Amino acid sequence: MSSTVIDRDLVRRVAEAAHIKLTDEELDKYAHQMKAIVEAFTELDQVDTEGVEPSFHPIELENVLREDEPRDWAWNPLGNTVHKENKYFKGPRIT
């Protein structure tokens, strides 16, 4: 287990650093939860991983996107406006 003592005082200092106000009941609850979390990580630290390759993703990723092929566009974005000039929207003149 870690050499850091996880108690209400530690939880209170963490809460103060995060600008969180906790009740006495919450301090007890979170101290218990924080202790359980640290114990779980301590248990994980004891697992022998010698010779195990790192796994960055459990499922091999592959590109699922289609090939980028140019094609005609059926939508005419200027079709519903009278404010156009050639192939562009026409806005008010800025002076």
PDB file of N, CA and C in Angstrom:
ATOM      1  N   MET A   1       0.834  -1.184   0.000  1.00  0.00           N
ATOM      2  CA  MET A   1       0.000   0.000   0.000  1.00  0.00           C
ATOM      3  C   MET A   1       0.877   1.244   0.000  1.00  0.00           C
ATOM      4  N   SER A   2       0.320   2.318  -0.425  1.00  0.00           N
ATOM      5  CA  SER A   2       1.041   3.583  -0.527  1.00  0.00           C
ATOM      6  C   SER A   2       1.421   4.091   0.858  1.00  0.00           C
ATOM      7  N   SER A   3       2.490   4.891   0.914  1.00  0.00           N
ATOM      8  CA  SER A   3       2.918   5.462   2.189  1.00  0.00           C
ATOM      9  C   SER A   3       2.068   6.673   2.571  1.00  0.00           C
ATOM     10  N   THR A   4       1.265   7.184   1.658  1.00  0.00           N
ATOM     11  CA  THR A   4       0.394   8.317   1.941  1.00  0.00           C
ATOM     12  C   THR A   4      -0.825   7.833   2.706  1.00  0.00           C
ATOM     13  N   VAL A   5      -1.125   8.492   3.804  1.00  0.00           N
ATOM     14  CA  VAL A   5      -2.296   8.147   4.606  1.00  0.00           C
ATOM     15  C   VAL A   5      -3.507   8.835   3.995  1.00  0.00           C
ATOM     16  N   ILE A   6      -4.489   8.036   3.653  1.00  0.00           N
ATOM     17  CA  ILE A   6      -5.705   8.584   3.050  1.00  0.00           C
ATOM     18  C   ILE A   6      -6.748   8.673   4.144  1.00  0.00           C
ATOM     19  N   ASP A   7      -7.039   9.900   4.542  1.00  0.00           N
ATOM     20  CA  ASP A   7      -8.010  10.126   5.593  1.00  0.00           C
ATOM     21  C   ASP A   7      -8.822  11.377   5.265  1.00  0.00           C
ATOM     22  N   ARG A   8      -9.655  11.774   6.200  1.00  0.00           N
ATOM     23  CA  ARG A   8     -10.515  12.941   5.991  1.00  0.00           C
ATOM     24  C   ARG A   8      -9.691  14.203   5.725  1.00  0.00           C
ATOM     25  N   ASP A   9      -8.539  14.317   6.383  1.00  0.00           N
ATOM     26  CA  ASP A   9      -7.713  15.506   6.201  1.00  0.00           C
ATOM     27  C   ASP A   9      -7.208  15.616   4.766  1.00  0.00           C
ATOM     28  N   LEU A  10      -6.779  14.498   4.191  1.00  0.00           N
ATOM     29  CA  LEU A  10      -6.323  14.510   2.795  1.00  0.00           C
ATOM     30  C   LEU A  10      -7.471  14.878   1.866  1.00  0.00           C
ATOM     31  N   VAL A  11      -8.641  14.288   2.095  1.00  0.00           N
ATOM     32  CA  VAL A  11      -9.800  14.598   1.255  1.00  0.00           C
ATOM     33  C   VAL A  11     -10.175  16.069   1.402  1.00  0.00           C
ATOM     34  N   ARG A  12     -10.101  16.590   2.616  1.00  0.00           N
ATOM     35  CA  ARG A  12     -10.408  18.006   2.847  1.00  0.00           C
ATOM     36  C   ARG A  12      -9.431  18.901   2.076  1.00  0.00           C
ATOM     37  N   ARG A  13      -8.122  18.568   2.094  1.00  0.00           N
ATOM     38  CA  ARG A  13      -7.130  19.372   1.367  1.00  0.00           C
ATOM     39  C   ARG A  13      -7.358  19.310  -0.141  1.00  0.00           C
ATOM     40  N   VAL A  14      -7.703  18.121  -0.666  1.00  0.00           N
ATOM     41  CA  VAL A  14      -7.995  17.992  -2.097  1.00  0.00           C
ATOM     42  C   VAL A  14      -9.232  18.807  -2.450  1.00  0.00           C
ATOM     43  N   ALA A  15     -10.260  18.733  -1.605  1.00  0.00           N
ATOM     44  CA  ALA A  15     -11.484  19.494  -1.852  1.00  0.00           C
ATOM     45  C   ALA A  15     -11.213  20.992  -1.815  1.00  0.00           C
ATOM     46  N   GLU A  16     -10.396  21.437  -0.884  1.00  0.00           N
ATOM     47  CA  GLU A  16     -10.064  22.866  -0.815  1.00  0.00           C
ATOM     48  C   GLU A  16      -9.296  23.309  -2.055  1.00  0.00           C
ATOM     49  N   ALA A  17      -8.380  22.461  -2.524  1.00  0.00           N
ATOM     50  CA  ALA A  17      -7.628  22.800  -3.738  1.00  0.00           C
ATOM     51  C   ALA A  17      -8.553  22.902  -4.944  1.00  0.00           C
ATOM     52  N   ALA A  18      -9.620  22.097  -4.951  1.00  0.00           N
ATOM     53  CA  ALA A  18     -10.587  22.118  -6.057  1.00  0.00           C
ATOM     54  C   ALA A  18     -11.730  23.099  -5.807  1.00  0.00           C
ATOM     55  N   HIS A  19     -11.658  23.821  -4.686  1.00  0.00           N
ATOM     56  CA  HIS A  19     -12.697  24.789  -4.311  1.00  0.00           C
ATOM     57  C   HIS A  19     -14.064  24.109  -4.202  1.00  0.00           C
ATOM     58  N   ILE A  20     -14.073  22.953  -3.524  1.00  0.00           N
ATOM     59  CA  ILE A  20     -15.311  22.204  -3.301  1.00  0.00           C
ATOM     60  C   ILE A  20     -15.562  22.154  -1.803  1.00  0.00           C
ATOM     61  N   LYS A  21     -16.789  22.459  -1.402  1.00  0.00           N
ATOM     62  CA  LYS A  21     -17.162  22.371   0.006  1.00  0.00           C
ATOM     63  C   LYS A  21     -17.816  21.017   0.250  1.00  0.00           C
ATOM     64  N   LEU A  22     -17.287  20.274   1.226  1.00  0.00           N
ATOM     65  CA  LEU A  22     -17.807  18.954   1.550  1.00  0.00           C
ATOM     66  C   LEU A  22     -18.288  18.915   2.991  1.00  0.00           C
ATOM     67  N   THR A  23     -19.349  18.139   3.215  1.00  0.00           N
ATOM     68  CA  THR A  23     -19.841  17.921   4.572  1.00  0.00           C
ATOM     69  C   THR A  23     -18.976  16.864   5.247  1.00  0.00           C
ATOM     70  N   ASP A  24     -19.151  16.703   6.547  1.00  0.00           N
ATOM     71  CA  ASP A  24     -18.405  15.677   7.282  1.00  0.00           C
ATOM     72  C   ASP A  24     -18.720  14.282   6.732  1.00  0.00           C
ATOM     73  N   GLU A  25     -19.981  14.045   6.396  1.00  0.00           N
ATOM     74  CA  GLU A  25     -20.365  12.743   5.846  1.00  0.00           C
ATOM     75  C   GLU A  25     -19.684  12.495   4.503  1.00  0.00           C
ATOM     76  N   GLU A  26     -19.602  13.540   3.673  1.00  0.00           N
ATOM     77  CA  GLU A  26     -18.939  13.404   2.378  1.00  0.00           C
ATOM     78  C   GLU A  26     -17.444  13.167   2.543  1.00  0.00           C
ATOM     79  N   LEU A  27     -16.833  13.812   3.528  1.00  0.00           N
ATOM     80  CA  LEU A  27     -15.404  13.595   3.777  1.00  0.00           C
ATOM     81  C   LEU A  27     -15.141  12.134   4.110  1.00  0.00           C
ATOM     82  N   ASP A  28     -15.994  11.545   4.970  1.00  0.00           N
ATOM     83  CA  ASP A  28     -15.842  10.129   5.318  1.00  0.00           C
ATOM     84  C   ASP A  28     -16.064   9.235   4.106  1.00  0.00           C
ATOM     85  N   LYS A  29     -17.111   9.529   3.347  1.00  0.00           N
ATOM     86  CA  LYS A  29     -17.451   8.724   2.170  1.00  0.00           C
ATOM     87  C   LYS A  29     -16.320   8.758   1.143  1.00  0.00           C
ATOM     88  N   TYR A  30     -15.817   9.965   0.830  1.00  0.00           N
ATOM     89  CA  TYR A  30     -14.791  10.085  -0.198  1.00  0.00           C
ATOM     90  C   TYR A  30     -13.438   9.562   0.275  1.00  0.00           C
ATOM     91  N   ALA A  31     -13.169   9.639   1.570  1.00  0.00           N
ATOM     92  CA  ALA A  31     -11.931   9.060   2.090  1.00  0.00           C
ATOM     93  C   ALA A  31     -11.959   7.552   1.898  1.00  0.00           C
ATOM     94  N   HIS A  32     -13.114   6.937   2.160  1.00  0.00           N
ATOM     95  CA  HIS A  32     -13.255   5.491   1.958  1.00  0.00           C
ATOM     96  C   HIS A  32     -13.094   5.138   0.477  1.00  0.00           C
ATOM     97  N   GLN A  33     -13.729   5.907  -0.403  1.00  0.00           N
ATOM     98  CA  GLN A  33     -13.649   5.638  -1.843  1.00  0.00           C
ATOM     99  C   GLN A  33     -12.232   5.854  -2.370  1.00  0.00           C
ATOM    100  N   MET A  34     -11.560   6.910  -1.902  1.00  0.00           N
ATOM    101  CA  MET A  34     -10.203   7.176  -2.368  1.00  0.00           C
ATOM    102  C   MET A  34      -9.257   6.061  -1.919  1.00  0.00           C
ATOM    103  N   LYS A  35      -9.464   5.560  -0.713  1.00  0.00           N
ATOM    104  CA  LYS A  35      -8.637   4.467  -0.213  1.00  0.00           C
ATOM    105  C   LYS A  35      -8.841   3.214  -1.063  1.00  0.00           C
ATOM    106  N   ALA A  36     -10.088   2.931  -1.474  1.00  0.00           N
ATOM    107  CA  ALA A  36     -10.376   1.767  -2.317  1.00  0.00           C
ATOM    108  C   ALA A  36      -9.722   1.916  -3.690  1.00  0.00           C
ATOM    109  N   ILE A  37      -9.710   3.113  -4.223  1.00  0.00           N
ATOM    110  CA  ILE A  37      -9.100   3.359  -5.532  1.00  0.00           C
ATOM    111  C   ILE A  37      -7.595   3.141  -5.465  1.00  0.00           C
ATOM    112  N   VAL A  38      -6.957   3.678  -4.438  1.00  0.00           N
ATOM    113  CA  VAL A  38      -5.509   3.522  -4.294  1.00  0.00           C
ATOM    114  C   VAL A  38      -5.160   2.048  -4.091  1.00  0.00           C
ATOM    115  N   GLU A  39      -5.970   1.315  -3.319  1.00  0.00           N
ATOM    116  CA  GLU A  39      -5.723  -0.110  -3.124  1.00  0.00           C
ATOM    117  C   GLU A  39      -5.843  -0.876  -4.438  1.00  0.00           C
ATOM    118  N   ALA A  40      -6.800  -0.492  -5.289  1.00  0.00           N
ATOM    119  CA  ALA A  40      -6.958  -1.157  -6.586  1.00  0.00           C
ATOM    120  C   ALA A  40      -5.735  -0.915  -7.463  1.00  0.00           C
ATOM    121  N   PHE A  41      -5.226   0.306  -7.473  1.00  0.00           N
ATOM    122  CA  PHE A  41      -4.026   0.586  -8.262  1.00  0.00           C
ATOM    123  C   PHE A  41      -2.798  -0.105  -7.688  1.00  0.00           C
ATOM    124  N   THR A  42      -2.736  -0.220  -6.369  1.00  0.00           N
ATOM    125  CA  THR A  42      -1.632  -0.946  -5.742  1.00  0.00           C
ATOM    126  C   THR A  42      -1.660  -2.404  -6.166  1.00  0.00           C
ATOM    127  N   GLU A  43      -2.857  -2.976  -6.234  1.00  0.00           N
ATOM    128  CA  GLU A  43      -3.001  -4.364  -6.685  1.00  0.00           C
ATOM    129  C   GLU A  43      -2.573  -4.502  -8.148  1.00  0.00           C
ATOM    130  N   LEU A  44      -2.927  -3.541  -8.975  1.00  0.00           N
ATOM    131  CA  LEU A  44      -2.511  -3.580 -10.377  1.00  0.00           C
ATOM    132  C   LEU A  44      -1.002  -3.456 -10.521  1.00  0.00           C
ATOM    133  N   ASP A  45      -0.372  -2.669  -9.654  1.00  0.00           N
ATOM    134  CA  ASP A  45       1.081  -2.510  -9.708  1.00  0.00           C
ATOM    135  C   ASP A  45       1.808  -3.824  -9.445  1.00  0.00           C
ATOM    136  N   GLN A  46       1.168  -4.769  -8.765  1.00  0.00           N
ATOM    137  CA  GLN A  46       1.806  -6.028  -8.410  1.00  0.00           C
ATOM    138  C   GLN A  46       1.727  -7.072  -9.526  1.00  0.00           C
ATOM    139  N   VAL A  47       0.977  -6.791 -10.577  1.00  0.00           N
ATOM    140  CA  VAL A  47       0.833  -7.736 -11.684  1.00  0.00           C
ATOM    141  C   VAL A  47       2.146  -7.798 -12.466  1.00  0.00           C
ATOM    142  N   ASP A  48       2.594  -9.020 -12.743  1.00  0.00           N
ATOM    143  CA  ASP A  48       3.837  -9.213 -13.495  1.00  0.00           C
ATOM    144  C   ASP A  48       3.564  -8.983 -14.981  1.00  0.00           C
ATOM    145  N   THR A  49       4.165  -7.951 -15.530  1.00  0.00           N
ATOM    146  CA  THR A  49       3.978  -7.624 -16.947  1.00  0.00           C
ATOM    147  C   THR A  49       5.270  -7.798 -17.733  1.00  0.00           C
ATOM    148  N   GLU A  50       6.191  -8.529 -17.182  1.00  0.00           N
ATOM    149  CA  GLU A  50       7.473  -8.756 -17.857  1.00  0.00           C
ATOM    150  C   GLU A  50       7.238  -9.482 -19.183  1.00  0.00           C
ATOM    151  N   GLY A  51       7.751  -8.935 -20.266  1.00  0.00           N
ATOM    152  CA  GLY A  51       7.632  -9.559 -21.579  1.00  0.00           C
ATOM    153  C   GLY A  51       6.295  -9.339 -22.269  1.00  0.00           C
ATOM    154  N   VAL A  52       5.414  -8.550 -21.683  1.00  0.00           N
ATOM    155  CA  VAL A  52       4.108  -8.292 -22.286  1.00  0.00           C
ATOM    156  C   VAL A  52       4.208  -7.018 -23.119  1.00  0.00           C
ATOM    157  N   GLU A  53       3.843  -7.137 -24.389  1.00  0.00           N
ATOM    158  CA  GLU A  53       3.870  -5.970 -25.276  1.00  0.00           C
ATOM    159  C   GLU A  53       2.755  -5.005 -24.888  1.00  0.00           C
ATOM    160  N   PRO A  54       3.009  -3.705 -24.951  1.00  0.00           N
ATOM    161  CA  PRO A  54       1.956  -2.739 -24.635  1.00  0.00           C
ATOM    162  C   PRO A  54       0.817  -2.827 -25.642  1.00  0.00           C
ATOM    163  N   SER A  55      -0.378  -2.675 -25.154  1.00  0.00           N
ATOM    164  CA  SER A  55      -1.567  -2.702 -26.006  1.00  0.00           C
ATOM    165  C   SER A  55      -2.238  -1.342 -25.914  1.00  0.00           C
ATOM    166  N   PHE A  56      -2.222  -0.628 -27.016  1.00  0.00           N
ATOM    167  CA  PHE A  56      -2.798   0.704 -27.002  1.00  0.00           C
ATOM    168  C   PHE A  56      -4.287   0.672 -27.307  1.00  0.00           C
ATOM    169  N   HIS A  57      -4.751  -0.395 -27.930  1.00  0.00           N
ATOM    170  CA  HIS A  57      -6.169  -0.549 -28.220  1.00  0.00           C
ATOM    171  C   HIS A  57      -6.459  -2.044 -28.295  1.00  0.00           C
ATOM    172  N   PRO A  58      -7.469  -2.523 -27.584  1.00  0.00           N
ATOM    173  CA  PRO A  58      -7.709  -3.963 -27.549  1.00  0.00           C
ATOM    174  C   PRO A  58      -8.188  -4.552 -28.878  1.00  0.00           C
ATOM    175  N   ILE A  59      -8.772  -3.727 -29.717  1.00  0.00           N
ATOM    176  CA  ILE A  59      -9.265  -4.187 -31.014  1.00  0.00           C
ATOM    177  C   ILE A  59      -8.467  -3.467 -32.087  1.00  0.00           C
ATOM    178  N   GLU A  60      -7.958  -4.203 -33.053  1.00  0.00           N
ATOM    179  CA  GLU A  60      -7.169  -3.566 -34.101  1.00  0.00           C
ATOM    180  C   GLU A  60      -8.039  -2.608 -34.896  1.00  0.00           C
ATOM    181  N   LEU A  61      -7.541  -1.393 -35.062  1.00  0.00           N
ATOM    182  CA  LEU A  61      -8.285  -0.371 -35.782  1.00  0.00           C
ATOM    183  C   LEU A  61      -7.981  -0.450 -37.272  1.00  0.00           C
ATOM    184  N   GLU A  62      -8.985  -0.170 -38.062  1.00  0.00           N
ATOM    185  CA  GLU A  62      -8.779  -0.110 -39.500  1.00  0.00           C
ATOM    186  C   GLU A  62      -9.611   1.027 -40.050  1.00  0.00           C
ATOM    187  N   ASN A  63      -9.214   1.539 -41.173  1.00  0.00           N
ATOM    188  CA  ASN A  63      -9.912   2.642 -41.786  1.00  0.00           C
ATOM    189  C   ASN A  63     -11.237   2.147 -42.367  1.00  0.00           C
ATOM    190  N   VAL A  64     -12.336   2.704 -41.870  1.00  0.00           N
ATOM    191  CA  VAL A  64     -13.651   2.285 -42.345  1.00  0.00           C
ATOM    192  C   VAL A  64     -14.267   3.324 -43.282  1.00  0.00           C
ATOM    193  N   LEU A  65     -13.471   4.305 -43.680  1.00  0.00           N
ATOM    194  CA  LEU A  65     -13.985   5.340 -44.560  1.00  0.00           C
ATOM    195  C   LEU A  65     -13.880   4.905 -46.019  1.00  0.00           C
ATOM    196  N   ARG A  66     -14.757   5.422 -46.827  1.00  0.00           N
ATOM    197  CA  ARG A  66     -14.718   5.114 -48.250  1.00  0.00           C
ATOM    198  C   ARG A  66     -13.598   5.892 -48.921  1.00  0.00           C
ATOM    199  N   GLU A  67     -13.246   5.474 -50.110  1.00  0.00           N
ATOM    200  CA  GLU A  67     -12.265   6.212 -50.895  1.00  0.00           C
ATOM    201  C   GLU A  67     -12.866   7.568 -51.266  1.00  0.00           C
ATOM    202  N   ASP A  68     -12.044   8.573 -51.295  1.00  0.00           N
ATOM    203  CA  ASP A  68     -12.489   9.911 -51.641  1.00  0.00           C
ATOM    204  C   ASP A  68     -12.477  10.052 -53.154  1.00  0.00           C
ATOM    205  N   GLU A  69     -13.675   9.964 -53.737  1.00  0.00           N
ATOM    206  CA  GLU A  69     -13.794  10.052 -55.188  1.00  0.00           C
ATOM    207  C   GLU A  69     -14.665  11.254 -55.549  1.00  0.00           C
ATOM    208  N   PRO A  70     -14.221  12.084 -56.481  1.00  0.00           N
ATOM    209  CA  PRO A  70     -15.052  13.225 -56.867  1.00  0.00           C
ATOM    210  C   PRO A  70     -16.305  12.751 -57.607  1.00  0.00           C
ATOM    211  N   ARG A  71     -17.395  13.460 -57.370  1.00  0.00           N
ATOM    212  CA  ARG A  71     -18.644  13.143 -58.074  1.00  0.00           C
ATOM    213  C   ARG A  71     -19.486  14.404 -58.183  1.00  0.00           C
ATOM    214  N   ASP A  72     -20.415  14.398 -59.103  1.00  0.00           N
ATOM    215  CA  ASP A  72     -21.279  15.559 -59.301  1.00  0.00           C
ATOM    216  C   ASP A  72     -22.164  15.765 -58.083  1.00  0.00           C
ATOM    217  N   TRP A  73     -22.449  17.034 -57.830  1.00  0.00           N
ATOM    218  CA  TRP A  73     -23.259  17.401 -56.684  1.00  0.00           C
ATOM    219  C   TRP A  73     -24.627  17.800 -57.203  1.00  0.00           C
ATOM    220  N   ALA A  74     -25.668  17.143 -56.770  1.00  0.00           N
ATOM    221  CA  ALA A  74     -27.002  17.388 -57.287  1.00  0.00           C
ATOM    222  C   ALA A  74     -27.660  18.612 -56.647  1.00  0.00           C
ATOM    223  N   TRP A  75     -27.159  19.075 -55.541  1.00  0.00           N
ATOM    224  CA  TRP A  75     -27.770  20.189 -54.826  1.00  0.00           C
ATOM    225  C   TRP A  75     -27.251  21.507 -55.364  1.00  0.00           C
ATOM    226  N   ASN A  76     -28.146  22.447 -55.605  1.00  0.00           N
ATOM    227  CA  ASN A  76     -27.779  23.776 -56.078  1.00  0.00           C
ATOM    228  C   ASN A  76     -27.958  24.756 -54.916  1.00  0.00           C
ATOM    229  N   PRO A  77     -26.890  25.148 -54.230  1.00  0.00           N
ATOM    230  CA  PRO A  77     -27.034  26.018 -53.067  1.00  0.00           C
ATOM    231  C   PRO A  77     -27.572  27.409 -53.405  1.00  0.00           C
ATOM    232  N   LEU A  78     -27.430  27.839 -54.629  1.00  0.00           N
ATOM    233  CA  LEU A  78     -27.926  29.159 -55.019  1.00  0.00           C
ATOM    234  C   LEU A  78     -29.329  29.100 -55.610  1.00  0.00           C
ATOM    235  N   GLY A  79     -29.922  27.927 -55.631  1.00  0.00           N
ATOM    236  CA  GLY A  79     -31.209  27.749 -56.287  1.00  0.00           C
ATOM    237  C   GLY A  79     -32.361  28.503 -55.650  1.00  0.00           C
ATOM    238  N   ASN A  80     -32.316  28.805 -54.351  1.00  0.00           N
ATOM    239  CA  ASN A  80     -33.446  29.439 -53.666  1.00  0.00           C
ATOM    240  C   ASN A  80     -33.194  30.896 -53.313  1.00  0.00           C
ATOM    241  N   THR A  81     -32.193  31.513 -53.884  1.00  0.00           N
ATOM    242  CA  THR A  81     -31.919  32.906 -53.546  1.00  0.00           C
ATOM    243  C   THR A  81     -31.945  33.781 -54.794  1.00  0.00           C
ATOM    244  N   VAL A  82     -32.362  35.015 -54.600  1.00  0.00           N
ATOM    245  CA  VAL A  82     -32.292  35.984 -55.686  1.00  0.00           C
ATOM    246  C   VAL A  82     -31.036  36.842 -55.537  1.00  0.00           C
ATOM    247  N   HIS A  83     -30.363  36.700 -54.392  1.00  0.00           N
ATOM    248  CA  HIS A  83     -29.164  37.482 -54.099  1.00  0.00           C
ATOM    249  C   HIS A  83     -27.938  36.696 -54.542  1.00  0.00           C
ATOM    250  N   LYS A  84     -27.709  36.672 -55.843  1.00  0.00           N
ATOM    251  CA  LYS A  84     -26.558  35.952 -56.360  1.00  0.00           C
ATOM    252  C   LYS A  84     -25.982  36.691 -57.552  1.00  0.00           C
ATOM    253  N   GLU A  85     -24.717  36.424 -57.774  1.00  0.00           N
ATOM    254  CA  GLU A  85     -24.038  36.980 -58.922  1.00  0.00           C
ATOM    255  C   GLU A  85     -23.061  35.927 -59.405  1.00  0.00           C
ATOM    256  N   ASN A  86     -23.267  35.465 -60.637  1.00  0.00           N
ATOM    257  CA  ASN A  86     -22.521  34.351 -61.200  1.00  0.00           C
ATOM    258  C   ASN A  86     -22.688  33.125 -60.300  1.00  0.00           C
ATOM    259  N   LYS A  87     -21.593  32.587 -59.757  1.00  0.00           N
ATOM    260  CA  LYS A  87     -21.676  31.389 -58.907  1.00  0.00           C
ATOM    261  C   LYS A  87     -21.569  31.717 -57.419  1.00  0.00           C
ATOM    262  N   TYR A  88     -21.857  32.990 -57.017  1.00  0.00           N
ATOM    263  CA  TYR A  88     -21.623  33.403 -55.643  1.00  0.00           C
ATOM    264  C   TYR A  88     -22.865  34.067 -55.055  1.00  0.00           C
ATOM    265  N   PHE A  89     -22.985  33.968 -53.711  1.00  0.00           N
ATOM    266  CA  PHE A  89     -24.006  34.756 -53.020  1.00  0.00           C
ATOM    267  C   PHE A  89     -23.604  36.206 -53.076  1.00  0.00           C
ATOM    268  N   LYS A  90     -24.581  37.073 -53.228  1.00  0.00           N
ATOM    269  CA  LYS A  90     -24.300  38.513 -53.283  1.00  0.00           C
ATOM    270  C   LYS A  90     -24.823  39.133 -52.017  1.00  0.00           C
ATOM    271  N   GLY A  91     -23.931  39.780 -51.255  1.00  0.00           N
ATOM    272  CA  GLY A  91     -24.305  40.424 -50.010  1.00  0.00           C
ATOM    273  C   GLY A  91     -24.356  41.927 -50.173  1.00  0.00           C
ATOM    274  N   PRO A  92     -24.760  42.613 -49.129  1.00  0.00           N
ATOM    275  CA  PRO A  92     -24.839  44.083 -49.202  1.00  0.00           C
ATOM    276  C   PRO A  92     -23.442  44.685 -49.298  1.00  0.00           C
ATOM    277  N   ARG A  93     -23.349  45.797 -49.966  1.00  0.00           N
ATOM    278  CA  ARG A  93     -22.083  46.493 -50.108  1.00  0.00           C
ATOM    279  C   ARG A  93     -21.706  47.115 -48.748  1.00  0.00           C
ATOM    280  N   ILE A  94     -20.464  46.918 -48.355  1.00  0.00           N
ATOM    281  CA  ILE A  94     -19.957  47.476 -47.106  1.00  0.00           C
ATOM    282  C   ILE A  94     -19.160  48.711 -47.444  1.00  0.00           C
ATOM    283  N   THR A  95     -19.551  49.813 -46.830  1.00  0.00           N
ATOM    284  CA  THR A  95     -18.855  51.074 -47.131  1.00  0.00           C
ATOM    285  C   THR A  95     -18.088  51.576 -45.947  1.00  0.00           C
TER     286      THR A  95
END
